[in-house]
Amino acid sequence: MSGDESAAGAGNESAAGAGDERRANAVSRSVTAFGHFWWDFLIGDTPELFLATLVVIGLAVALRHERTVAIVVVLAAVIGCLAASTWRGRKRIK
Protein backbone atom coordinates (compact mmCIF):
# COMPACT_ATOMS: atom_id res chain seq x y z
CA MET A 1 0.00 0.00 0.00
CA SER A 2 1.46 3.37 -0.96
CA GLY A 3 1.43 6.46 1.23
CA ASP A 4 -1.47 7.97 -0.75
CA GLU A 5 -3.65 4.92 -0.20
CA SER A 6 -3.03 4.84 3.55
CA ALA A 7 -3.80 8.56 3.84
CA ALA A 8 -7.08 8.07 1.95
CA GLY A 9 -7.98 5.16 4.22
CA ALA A 10 -7.30 7.26 7.30
CA GLY A 11 -9.52 10.01 5.90
CA ASN A 12 -12.40 7.57 5.44
CA GLU A 13 -12.02 6.32 9.00
CA SER A 14 -12.05 9.84 10.44
CA ALA A 15 -15.11 10.73 8.33
CA ALA A 16 -16.87 7.60 9.58
CA GLY A 17 -15.89 8.49 13.15
CA ALA A 18 -17.29 12.00 12.72
CA GLY A 19 -20.54 10.56 11.35
CA ASP A 20 -20.83 8.25 14.36
CA GLU A 21 -20.19 11.18 16.68
CA ARG A 22 -22.85 13.31 14.98
CA ARG A 23 -25.31 10.43 15.19
CA ALA A 24 -24.52 9.94 18.89
CA ASN A 25 -24.98 13.68 19.52
CA ALA A 26 -28.32 13.64 17.69
CA VAL A 27 -29.50 10.65 19.75
CA SER A 28 -28.32 12.33 22.95
CA ARG A 29 -30.16 15.56 22.08
CA SER A 30 -33.30 13.60 21.18
CA VAL A 31 -33.28 11.66 24.46
CA THR A 32 -32.69 14.87 26.40
CA ALA A 33 -35.54 16.65 24.61
CA PHE A 34 -37.83 13.66 25.23
CA GLY A 35 -36.97 13.76 28.94
CA HIS A 36 -37.59 17.50 29.14
CA PHE A 37 -40.97 17.07 27.44
CA TRP A 38 -42.11 14.46 29.95
CA TRP A 39 -40.76 16.47 32.90
CA ASP A 40 -42.69 19.55 31.76
CA PHE A 41 -45.79 17.52 30.91
CA LEU A 42 -45.96 15.55 34.17
CA ILE A 43 -44.47 17.93 36.69
CA GLY A 44 -44.57 21.37 35.06
CA ASP A 45 -45.36 24.24 37.43
CA THR A 46 -47.10 22.15 40.09
CA PRO A 47 -45.02 19.21 41.29
CA GLU A 48 -47.35 18.80 44.27
CA LEU A 49 -50.15 17.69 41.94
CA PHE A 50 -47.86 15.08 40.41
CA LEU A 51 -46.97 13.77 43.87
CA ALA A 52 -50.63 13.84 44.90
CA THR A 53 -51.51 11.81 41.81
CA LEU A 54 -48.90 9.22 42.72
CA VAL A 55 -50.24 9.05 46.28
CA VAL A 56 -53.84 8.62 45.10
CA ILE A 57 -52.85 5.91 42.63
CA GLY A 58 -50.80 4.19 45.34
CA LEU A 59 -53.78 4.25 47.71
CA ALA A 60 -56.05 2.85 45.01
CA VAL A 61 -53.63 0.00 44.30
CA ALA A 62 -53.09 -0.72 47.99
CA LEU A 63 -56.83 -0.83 48.68
CA ARG A 64 -57.89 -2.65 45.50
CA HIS A 65 -59.30 -5.61 47.46
CA GLU A 66 -61.32 -3.43 49.86
CA ARG A 67 -63.76 -1.73 47.50
CA THR A 68 -65.84 0.27 49.99
CA VAL A 69 -62.82 1.44 51.98
CA ALA A 70 -60.99 2.31 48.75
CA ILE A 71 -63.87 4.46 47.51
CA VAL A 72 -63.95 6.47 50.73
CA VAL A 73 -60.18 6.76 51.20
CA VAL A 74 -59.37 7.60 47.57
CA LEU A 75 -62.18 10.14 47.39
CA ALA A 76 -61.01 11.77 50.63
CA ALA A 77 -57.41 11.82 49.36
CA VAL A 78 -58.44 13.47 46.08
CA ILE A 79 -60.54 16.09 47.86
CA GLY A 80 -57.74 16.74 50.36
CA CYS A 81 -55.10 17.07 47.65
CA LEU A 82 -57.23 19.45 45.61
CA ALA A 83 -58.06 21.53 48.67
CA ALA A 84 -54.38 21.73 49.65
CA SER A 85 -53.39 22.70 46.11
CA THR A 86 -56.07 25.39 45.98
CA TRP A 87 -55.05 26.77 49.37
CA ARG A 88 -51.40 26.80 48.31
CA GLY A 89 -52.27 28.54 45.02
CA ARG A 90 -54.29 31.23 46.77
CA LYS A 91 -51.45 31.73 49.24
CA ARG A 92 -49.01 32.34 46.35
CA ILE A 93 -51.24 35.02 44.81
CA LYS A 94 -51.48 37.12 47.97
PDB file of N, CA and C in Angstrom:
ATOM      1  N   MET A   1       0.854  -1.164   0.000  1.00  0.00           N
ATOM      2  CA  MET A   1       0.000   0.000   0.000  1.00  0.00           C
ATOM      3  C   MET A   1       0.899   1.225   0.000  1.00  0.00           C
ATOM      4  N   SER A   2       0.630   2.174  -0.886  1.00  0.00           N
ATOM      5  CA  SER A   2       1.461   3.371  -0.958  1.00  0.00           C
ATOM      6  C   SER A   2       1.010   4.366   0.096  1.00  0.00           C
ATOM      7  N   GLY A   3       1.741   5.432   0.244  1.00  0.00           N
ATOM      8  CA  GLY A   3       1.432   6.459   1.227  1.00  0.00           C
ATOM      9  C   GLY A   3       0.119   7.151   0.937  1.00  0.00           C
ATOM     10  N   ASP A   4      -0.207   7.325  -0.384  1.00  0.00           N
ATOM     11  CA  ASP A   4      -1.466   7.973  -0.746  1.00  0.00           C
ATOM     12  C   ASP A   4      -2.662   7.127  -0.345  1.00  0.00           C
ATOM     13  N   GLU A   5      -2.548   5.811  -0.532  1.00  0.00           N
ATOM     14  CA  GLU A   5      -3.653   4.924  -0.199  1.00  0.00           C
ATOM     15  C   GLU A   5      -3.910   4.899   1.304  1.00  0.00           C
ATOM     16  N   SER A   6      -2.843   4.884   2.102  1.00  0.00           N
ATOM     17  CA  SER A   6      -3.027   4.844   3.553  1.00  0.00           C
ATOM     18  C   SER A   6      -3.613   6.158   4.057  1.00  0.00           C
ATOM     19  N   ALA A   7      -3.246   7.268   3.440  1.00  0.00           N
ATOM     20  CA  ALA A   7      -3.803   8.558   3.842  1.00  0.00           C
ATOM     21  C   ALA A   7      -5.283   8.617   3.496  1.00  0.00           C
ATOM     22  N   ALA A   8      -5.672   8.082   2.345  1.00  0.00           N
ATOM     23  CA  ALA A   8      -7.078   8.073   1.950  1.00  0.00           C
ATOM     24  C   ALA A   8      -7.886   7.184   2.892  1.00  0.00           C
ATOM     25  N   GLY A   9      -7.298   6.050   3.291  1.00  0.00           N
ATOM     26  CA  GLY A   9      -7.980   5.159   4.219  1.00  0.00           C
ATOM     27  C   GLY A   9      -8.179   5.815   5.570  1.00  0.00           C
ATOM     28  N   ALA A  10      -7.190   6.561   6.023  1.00  0.00           N
ATOM     29  CA  ALA A  10      -7.301   7.257   7.299  1.00  0.00           C
ATOM     30  C   ALA A  10      -8.377   8.333   7.229  1.00  0.00           C
ATOM     31  N   GLY A  11      -8.497   8.996   6.076  1.00  0.00           N
ATOM     32  CA  GLY A  11      -9.522  10.010   5.896  1.00  0.00           C
ATOM     33  C   GLY A  11     -10.911   9.415   5.964  1.00  0.00           C
ATOM     34  N   ASN A  12     -11.091   8.240   5.389  1.00  0.00           N
ATOM     35  CA  ASN A  12     -12.397   7.570   5.443  1.00  0.00           C
ATOM     36  C   ASN A  12     -12.749   7.176   6.860  1.00  0.00           C
ATOM     37  N   GLU A  13     -11.768   6.709   7.617  1.00  0.00           N
ATOM     38  CA  GLU A  13     -12.020   6.317   9.003  1.00  0.00           C
ATOM     39  C   GLU A  13     -12.405   7.519   9.851  1.00  0.00           C
ATOM     40  N   SER A  14     -11.721   8.668   9.639  1.00  0.00           N
ATOM     41  CA  SER A  14     -12.052   9.841  10.440  1.00  0.00           C
ATOM     42  C   SER A  14     -13.422  10.391  10.044  1.00  0.00           C
ATOM     43  N   ALA A  15     -13.783  10.292   8.758  1.00  0.00           N
ATOM     44  CA  ALA A  15     -15.109  10.734   8.328  1.00  0.00           C
ATOM     45  C   ALA A  15     -16.184   9.833   8.935  1.00  0.00           C
ATOM     46  N   ALA A  16     -15.911   8.522   8.970  1.00  0.00           N
ATOM     47  CA  ALA A  16     -16.872   7.595   9.581  1.00  0.00           C
ATOM     48  C   ALA A  16     -16.994   7.870  11.078  1.00  0.00           C
ATOM     49  N   GLY A  17     -15.873   8.174  11.719  1.00  0.00           N
ATOM     50  CA  GLY A  17     -15.894   8.490  13.147  1.00  0.00           C
ATOM     51  C   GLY A  17     -16.675   9.758  13.423  1.00  0.00           C
ATOM     52  N   ALA A  18     -16.542  10.752  12.552  1.00  0.00           N
ATOM     53  CA  ALA A  18     -17.286  12.003  12.717  1.00  0.00           C
ATOM     54  C   ALA A  18     -18.778  11.758  12.522  1.00  0.00           C
ATOM     55  N   GLY A  19     -19.135  10.893  11.573  1.00  0.00           N
ATOM     56  CA  GLY A  19     -20.545  10.559  11.354  1.00  0.00           C
ATOM     57  C   GLY A  19     -21.136   9.858  12.560  1.00  0.00           C
ATOM     58  N   ASP A  20     -20.368   8.941  13.156  1.00  0.00           N
ATOM     59  CA  ASP A  20     -20.830   8.248  14.360  1.00  0.00           C
ATOM     60  C   ASP A  20     -21.020   9.228  15.507  1.00  0.00           C
ATOM     61  N   GLU A  21     -20.094  10.188  15.603  1.00  0.00           N
ATOM     62  CA  GLU A  21     -20.187  11.175  16.684  1.00  0.00           C
ATOM     63  C   GLU A  21     -21.406  12.077  16.494  1.00  0.00           C
ATOM     64  N   ARG A  22     -21.661  12.485  15.239  1.00  0.00           N
ATOM     65  CA  ARG A  22     -22.847  13.312  14.980  1.00  0.00           C
ATOM     66  C   ARG A  22     -24.126  12.543  15.281  1.00  0.00           C
ATOM     67  N   ARG A  23     -24.142  11.266  14.928  1.00  0.00           N
ATOM     68  CA  ARG A  23     -25.310  10.429  15.187  1.00  0.00           C
ATOM     69  C   ARG A  23     -25.513  10.284  16.700  1.00  0.00           C
ATOM     70  N   ALA A  24     -24.424  10.075  17.431  1.00  0.00           N
ATOM     71  CA  ALA A  24     -24.515   9.942  18.886  1.00  0.00           C
ATOM     72  C   ALA A  24     -25.011  11.249  19.510  1.00  0.00           C
ATOM     73  N   ASN A  25     -24.524  12.384  18.998  1.00  0.00           N
ATOM     74  CA  ASN A  25     -24.984  13.677  19.518  1.00  0.00           C
ATOM     75  C   ASN A  25     -26.461  13.892  19.223  1.00  0.00           C
ATOM     76  N   ALA A  26     -26.911  13.493  18.035  1.00  0.00           N
ATOM     77  CA  ALA A  26     -28.322  13.636  17.685  1.00  0.00           C
ATOM     78  C   ALA A  26     -29.185  12.762  18.591  1.00  0.00           C
ATOM     79  N   VAL A  27     -28.746  11.546  18.857  1.00  0.00           N
ATOM     80  CA  VAL A  27     -29.496  10.652  19.748  1.00  0.00           C
ATOM     81  C   VAL A  27     -29.521  11.232  21.157  1.00  0.00           C
ATOM     82  N   SER A  28     -28.400  11.738  21.607  1.00  0.00           N
ATOM     83  CA  SER A  28     -28.324  12.326  22.946  1.00  0.00           C
ATOM     84  C   SER A  28     -29.260  13.531  23.065  1.00  0.00           C
ATOM     85  N   ARG A  29     -29.270  14.399  22.056  1.00  0.00           N
ATOM     86  CA  ARG A  29     -30.164  15.563  22.078  1.00  0.00           C
ATOM     87  C   ARG A  29     -31.625  15.125  22.049  1.00  0.00           C
ATOM     88  N   SER A  30     -31.923  14.089  21.269  1.00  0.00           N
ATOM     89  CA  SER A  30     -33.299  13.600  21.182  1.00  0.00           C
ATOM     90  C   SER A  30     -33.770  13.027  22.513  1.00  0.00           C
ATOM     91  N   VAL A  31     -32.929  12.245  23.154  1.00  0.00           N
ATOM     92  CA  VAL A  31     -33.281  11.656  24.456  1.00  0.00           C
ATOM     93  C   VAL A  31     -33.455  12.758  25.498  1.00  0.00           C
ATOM     94  N   THR A  32     -32.579  13.747  25.466  1.00  0.00           N
ATOM     95  CA  THR A  32     -32.686  14.868  26.402  1.00  0.00           C
ATOM     96  C   THR A  32     -33.975  15.646  26.176  1.00  0.00           C
ATOM     97  N   ALA A  33     -34.303  15.926  24.918  1.00  0.00           N
ATOM     98  CA  ALA A  33     -35.541  16.650  24.608  1.00  0.00           C
ATOM     99  C   ALA A  33     -36.760  15.846  25.034  1.00  0.00           C
ATOM    100  N   PHE A  34     -36.724  14.533  24.822  1.00  0.00           N
ATOM    101  CA  PHE A  34     -37.826  13.659  25.228  1.00  0.00           C
ATOM    102  C   PHE A  34     -38.012  13.708  26.742  1.00  0.00           C
ATOM    103  N   GLY A  35     -36.905  13.665  27.484  1.00  0.00           N
ATOM    104  CA  GLY A  35     -36.966  13.756  28.944  1.00  0.00           C
ATOM    105  C   GLY A  35     -37.511  15.097  29.414  1.00  0.00           C
ATOM    106  N   HIS A  36     -37.079  16.179  28.778  1.00  0.00           N
ATOM    107  CA  HIS A  36     -37.595  17.504  29.141  1.00  0.00           C
ATOM    108  C   HIS A  36     -39.091  17.619  28.873  1.00  0.00           C
ATOM    109  N   PHE A  37     -39.527  17.046  27.744  1.00  0.00           N
ATOM    110  CA  PHE A  37     -40.965  17.070  27.437  1.00  0.00           C
ATOM    111  C   PHE A  37     -41.756  16.393  28.542  1.00  0.00           C
ATOM    112  N   TRP A  38     -41.348  15.185  28.929  1.00  0.00           N
ATOM    113  CA  TRP A  38     -42.108  14.460  29.946  1.00  0.00           C
ATOM    114  C   TRP A  38     -42.019  15.146  31.295  1.00  0.00           C
ATOM    115  N   TRP A  39     -40.882  15.729  31.638  1.00  0.00           N
ATOM    116  CA  TRP A  39     -40.757  16.469  32.900  1.00  0.00           C
ATOM    117  C   TRP A  39     -41.744  17.637  32.909  1.00  0.00           C
ATOM    118  N   ASP A  40     -41.766  18.423  31.826  1.00  0.00           N
ATOM    119  CA  ASP A  40     -42.686  19.553  31.757  1.00  0.00           C
ATOM    120  C   ASP A  40     -44.136  19.098  31.731  1.00  0.00           C
ATOM    121  N   PHE A  41     -44.423  18.009  31.039  1.00  0.00           N
ATOM    122  CA  PHE A  41     -45.789  17.521  30.911  1.00  0.00           C
ATOM    123  C   PHE A  41     -46.305  16.983  32.243  1.00  0.00           C
ATOM    124  N   LEU A  42     -45.504  16.188  32.935  1.00  0.00           N
ATOM    125  CA  LEU A  42     -45.964  15.554  34.170  1.00  0.00           C
ATOM    126  C   LEU A  42     -45.817  16.449  35.392  1.00  0.00           C
ATOM    127  N   ILE A  43     -44.737  17.163  35.475  1.00  0.00           N
ATOM    128  CA  ILE A  43     -44.467  17.930  36.685  1.00  0.00           C
ATOM    129  C   ILE A  43     -44.777  19.405  36.481  1.00  0.00           C
ATOM    130  N   GLY A  44     -44.251  19.987  35.421  1.00  0.00           N
ATOM    131  CA  GLY A  44     -44.566  21.368  35.060  1.00  0.00           C
ATOM    132  C   GLY A  44     -44.401  22.343  36.208  1.00  0.00           C
ATOM    133  N   ASP A  45     -45.412  23.197  36.395  1.00  0.00           N
ATOM    134  CA  ASP A  45     -45.360  24.238  37.432  1.00  0.00           C
ATOM    135  C   ASP A  45     -45.861  23.768  38.787  1.00  0.00           C
ATOM    136  N   THR A  46     -46.494  22.603  38.833  1.00  0.00           N
ATOM    137  CA  THR A  46     -47.105  22.147  40.086  1.00  0.00           C
ATOM    138  C   THR A  46     -46.673  20.719  40.419  1.00  0.00           C
ATOM    139  N   PRO A  47     -45.477  20.565  40.944  1.00  0.00           N
ATOM    140  CA  PRO A  47     -45.018  19.211  41.289  1.00  0.00           C
ATOM    141  C   PRO A  47     -45.862  18.569  42.382  1.00  0.00           C
ATOM    142  N   GLU A  48     -46.532  19.391  43.207  1.00  0.00           N
ATOM    143  CA  GLU A  48     -47.349  18.804  44.273  1.00  0.00           C
ATOM    144  C   GLU A  48     -48.535  18.026  43.695  1.00  0.00           C
ATOM    145  N   LEU A  49     -49.056  18.453  42.555  1.00  0.00           N
ATOM    146  CA  LEU A  49     -50.151  17.691  41.944  1.00  0.00           C
ATOM    147  C   LEU A  49     -49.662  16.358  41.391  1.00  0.00           C
ATOM    148  N   PHE A  50     -48.444  16.341  40.880  1.00  0.00           N
ATOM    149  CA  PHE A  50     -47.862  15.080  40.407  1.00  0.00           C
ATOM    150  C   PHE A  50     -47.679  14.115  41.578  1.00  0.00           C
ATOM    151  N   LEU A  51     -47.147  14.611  42.683  1.00  0.00           N
ATOM    152  CA  LEU A  51     -46.971  13.766  43.872  1.00  0.00           C
ATOM    153  C   LEU A  51     -48.318  13.314  44.426  1.00  0.00           C
ATOM    154  N   ALA A  52     -49.288  14.209  44.423  1.00  0.00           N
ATOM    155  CA  ALA A  52     -50.627  13.838  44.904  1.00  0.00           C
ATOM    156  C   ALA A  52     -51.226  12.743  44.027  1.00  0.00           C
ATOM    157  N   THR A  53     -51.017  12.844  42.727  1.00  0.00           N
ATOM    158  CA  THR A  53     -51.514  11.810  41.813  1.00  0.00           C
ATOM    159  C   THR A  53     -50.885  10.467  42.123  1.00  0.00           C
ATOM    160  N   LEU A  54     -49.579  10.473  42.366  1.00  0.00           N
ATOM    161  CA  LEU A  54     -48.898   9.224  42.716  1.00  0.00           C
ATOM    162  C   LEU A  54     -49.433   8.643  44.022  1.00  0.00           C
ATOM    163  N   VAL A  55     -49.698   9.507  44.994  1.00  0.00           N
ATOM    164  CA  VAL A  55     -50.239   9.052  46.283  1.00  0.00           C
ATOM    165  C   VAL A  55     -51.627   8.441  46.092  1.00  0.00           C
ATOM    166  N   VAL A  56     -52.486   9.116  45.326  1.00  0.00           N
ATOM    167  CA  VAL A  56     -53.842   8.619  45.104  1.00  0.00           C
ATOM    168  C   VAL A  56     -53.804   7.282  44.368  1.00  0.00           C
ATOM    169  N   ILE A  57     -52.966   7.183  43.353  1.00  0.00           N
ATOM    170  CA  ILE A  57     -52.848   5.910  42.626  1.00  0.00           C
ATOM    171  C   ILE A  57     -52.314   4.817  43.552  1.00  0.00           C
ATOM    172  N   GLY A  58     -51.337   5.163  44.377  1.00  0.00           N
ATOM    173  CA  GLY A  58     -50.802   4.193  45.337  1.00  0.00           C
ATOM    174  C   GLY A  58     -51.862   3.711  46.316  1.00  0.00           C
ATOM    175  N   LEU A  59     -52.683   4.635  46.811  1.00  0.00           N
ATOM    176  CA  LEU A  59     -53.780   4.252  47.710  1.00  0.00           C
ATOM    177  C   LEU A  59     -54.771   3.334  47.004  1.00  0.00           C
ATOM    178  N   ALA A  60     -55.096   3.671  45.762  1.00  0.00           N
ATOM    179  CA  ALA A  60     -56.048   2.847  45.010  1.00  0.00           C
ATOM    180  C   ALA A  60     -55.510   1.437  44.804  1.00  0.00           C
ATOM    181  N   VAL A  61     -54.228   1.337  44.495  1.00  0.00           N
ATOM    182  CA  VAL A  61     -53.628   0.005  44.300  1.00  0.00           C
ATOM    183  C   VAL A  61     -53.575  -0.755  45.623  1.00  0.00           C
ATOM    184  N   ALA A  62     -53.195  -0.057  46.689  1.00  0.00           N
ATOM    185  CA  ALA A  62     -53.086  -0.715  47.994  1.00  0.00           C
ATOM    186  C   ALA A  62     -54.440  -1.213  48.509  1.00  0.00           C
ATOM    187  N   LEU A  63     -55.502  -0.481  48.175  1.00  0.00           N
ATOM    188  CA  LEU A  63     -56.832  -0.829  48.683  1.00  0.00           C
ATOM    189  C   LEU A  63     -57.700  -1.515  47.631  1.00  0.00           C
ATOM    190  N   ARG A  64     -57.108  -2.085  46.611  1.00  0.00           N
ATOM    191  CA  ARG A  64     -57.889  -2.653  45.499  1.00  0.00           C
ATOM    192  C   ARG A  64     -58.783  -3.809  45.921  1.00  0.00           C
ATOM    193  N   HIS A  65     -58.472  -4.477  47.016  1.00  0.00           N
ATOM    194  CA  HIS A  65     -59.296  -5.612  47.458  1.00  0.00           C
ATOM    195  C   HIS A  65     -60.396  -5.186  48.431  1.00  0.00           C
ATOM    196  N   GLU A  66     -60.324  -3.962  48.920  1.00  0.00           N
ATOM    197  CA  GLU A  66     -61.318  -3.427  49.859  1.00  0.00           C
ATOM    198  C   GLU A  66     -62.083  -2.314  49.157  1.00  0.00           C
ATOM    199  N   ARG A  67     -63.071  -2.678  48.375  1.00  0.00           N
ATOM    200  CA  ARG A  67     -63.756  -1.733  47.500  1.00  0.00           C
ATOM    201  C   ARG A  67     -64.384  -0.557  48.250  1.00  0.00           C
ATOM    202  N   THR A  68     -65.146  -0.805  49.263  1.00  0.00           N
ATOM    203  CA  THR A  68     -65.837   0.270  49.986  1.00  0.00           C
ATOM    204  C   THR A  68     -64.836   1.205  50.663  1.00  0.00           C
ATOM    205  N   VAL A  69     -63.855   0.630  51.323  1.00  0.00           N
ATOM    206  CA  VAL A  69     -62.822   1.437  51.982  1.00  0.00           C
ATOM    207  C   VAL A  69     -62.055   2.251  50.944  1.00  0.00           C
ATOM    208  N   ALA A  70     -61.741   1.634  49.811  1.00  0.00           N
ATOM    209  CA  ALA A  70     -60.990   2.309  48.752  1.00  0.00           C
ATOM    210  C   ALA A  70     -61.751   3.511  48.216  1.00  0.00           C
ATOM    211  N   ILE A  71     -63.061   3.351  48.031  1.00  0.00           N
ATOM    212  CA  ILE A  71     -63.866   4.462  47.515  1.00  0.00           C
ATOM    213  C   ILE A  71     -63.794   5.648  48.471  1.00  0.00           C
ATOM    214  N   VAL A  72     -63.950   5.392  49.742  1.00  0.00           N
ATOM    215  CA  VAL A  72     -63.951   6.469  50.731  1.00  0.00           C
ATOM    216  C   VAL A  72     -62.561   7.093  50.860  1.00  0.00           C
ATOM    217  N   VAL A  73     -61.538   6.254  50.977  1.00  0.00           N
ATOM    218  CA  VAL A  73     -60.176   6.758  51.200  1.00  0.00           C
ATOM    219  C   VAL A  73     -59.659   7.505  49.972  1.00  0.00           C
ATOM    220  N   VAL A  74     -59.855   6.944  48.784  1.00  0.00           N
ATOM    221  CA  VAL A  74     -59.366   7.599  47.567  1.00  0.00           C
ATOM    222  C   VAL A  74     -60.105   8.910  47.338  1.00  0.00           C
ATOM    223  N   LEU A  75     -61.410   8.909  47.540  1.00  0.00           N
ATOM    224  CA  LEU A  75     -62.179  10.141  47.386  1.00  0.00           C
ATOM    225  C   LEU A  75     -61.712  11.213  48.376  1.00  0.00           C
ATOM    226  N   ALA A  76     -61.502  10.816  49.624  1.00  0.00           N
ATOM    227  CA  ALA A  76     -61.010  11.766  50.633  1.00  0.00           C
ATOM    228  C   ALA A  76     -59.614  12.277  50.269  1.00  0.00           C
ATOM    229  N   ALA A  77     -58.763  11.406  49.758  1.00  0.00           N
ATOM    230  CA  ALA A  77     -57.414  11.817  49.360  1.00  0.00           C
ATOM    231  C   ALA A  77     -57.457  12.809  48.202  1.00  0.00           C
ATOM    232  N   VAL A  78     -58.316  12.558  47.225  1.00  0.00           N
ATOM    233  CA  VAL A  78     -58.436  13.473  46.082  1.00  0.00           C
ATOM    234  C   VAL A  78     -58.956  14.834  46.547  1.00  0.00           C
ATOM    235  N   ILE A  79     -59.987  14.829  47.370  1.00  0.00           N
ATOM    236  CA  ILE A  79     -60.540  16.091  47.863  1.00  0.00           C
ATOM    237  C   ILE A  79     -59.494  16.827  48.698  1.00  0.00           C
ATOM    238  N   GLY A  80     -58.785  16.113  49.545  1.00  0.00           N
ATOM    239  CA  GLY A  80     -57.739  16.737  50.364  1.00  0.00           C
ATOM    240  C   GLY A  80     -56.604  17.317  49.525  1.00  0.00           C
ATOM    241  N   CYS A  81     -56.182  16.583  48.513  1.00  0.00           N
ATOM    242  CA  CYS A  81     -55.099  17.071  47.651  1.00  0.00           C
ATOM    243  C   CYS A  81     -55.526  18.304  46.866  1.00  0.00           C
ATOM    244  N   LEU A  82     -56.742  18.285  46.342  1.00  0.00           N
ATOM    245  CA  LEU A  82     -57.228  19.449  45.605  1.00  0.00           C
ATOM    246  C   LEU A  82     -57.409  20.656  46.517  1.00  0.00           C
ATOM    247  N   ALA A  83     -57.899  20.426  47.723  1.00  0.00           N
ATOM    248  CA  ALA A  83     -58.056  21.534  48.671  1.00  0.00           C
ATOM    249  C   ALA A  83     -56.698  22.115  49.054  1.00  0.00           C
ATOM    250  N   ALA A  84     -55.735  21.258  49.296  1.00  0.00           N
ATOM    251  CA  ALA A  84     -54.385  21.730  49.647  1.00  0.00           C
ATOM    252  C   ALA A  84     -53.755  22.503  48.493  1.00  0.00           C
ATOM    253  N   SER A  85     -53.940  22.019  47.284  1.00  0.00           N
ATOM    254  CA  SER A  85     -53.390  22.703  46.113  1.00  0.00           C
ATOM    255  C   SER A  85     -54.050  24.068  45.915  1.00  0.00           C
ATOM    256  N   THR A  86     -55.359  24.124  46.115  1.00  0.00           N
ATOM    257  CA  THR A  86     -56.075  25.393  45.977  1.00  0.00           C
ATOM    258  C   THR A  86     -55.631  26.377  47.047  1.00  0.00           C
ATOM    259  N   TRP A  87     -55.507  25.915  48.268  1.00  0.00           N
ATOM    260  CA  TRP A  87     -55.053  26.768  49.367  1.00  0.00           C
ATOM    261  C   TRP A  87     -53.642  27.286  49.090  1.00  0.00           C
ATOM    262  N   ARG A  88     -52.777  26.403  48.604  1.00  0.00           N
ATOM    263  CA  ARG A  88     -51.395  26.803  48.306  1.00  0.00           C
ATOM    264  C   ARG A  88     -51.370  27.814  47.159  1.00  0.00           C
ATOM    265  N   GLY A  89     -52.219  27.605  46.150  1.00  0.00           N
ATOM    266  CA  GLY A  89     -52.273  28.537  45.023  1.00  0.00           C
ATOM    267  C   GLY A  89     -52.780  29.911  45.441  1.00  0.00           C
ATOM    268  N   ARG A  90     -53.780  29.944  46.282  1.00  0.00           N
ATOM    269  CA  ARG A  90     -54.295  31.229  46.767  1.00  0.00           C
ATOM    270  C   ARG A  90     -53.256  31.929  47.631  1.00  0.00           C
ATOM    271  N   LYS A  91     -52.489  31.158  48.375  1.00  0.00           N
ATOM    272  CA  LYS A  91     -51.449  31.727  49.236  1.00  0.00           C
ATOM    273  C   LYS A  91     -50.348  32.375  48.393  1.00  0.00           C
ATOM    274  N   ARG A  92     -50.028  31.781  47.245  1.00  0.00           N
ATOM    275  CA  ARG A  92     -49.007  32.343  46.351  1.00  0.00           C
ATOM    276  C   ARG A  92     -49.438  33.674  45.755  1.00  0.00           C
ATOM    277  N   ILE A  93     -50.732  33.814  45.464  1.00  0.00           N
ATOM    278  CA  ILE A  93     -51.236  35.021  44.807  1.00  0.00           C
ATOM    279  C   ILE A  93     -51.169  36.217  45.740  1.00  0.00           C
ATOM    280  N   LYS A  94     -51.443  36.014  47.006  1.00  0.00           N
ATOM    281  CA  LYS A  94     -51.485  37.121  47.969  1.00  0.00           C
ATOM    282  C   LYS A  94     -50.150  37.721  48.217  1.00  0.00           C
TER     283      LYS A  94
END
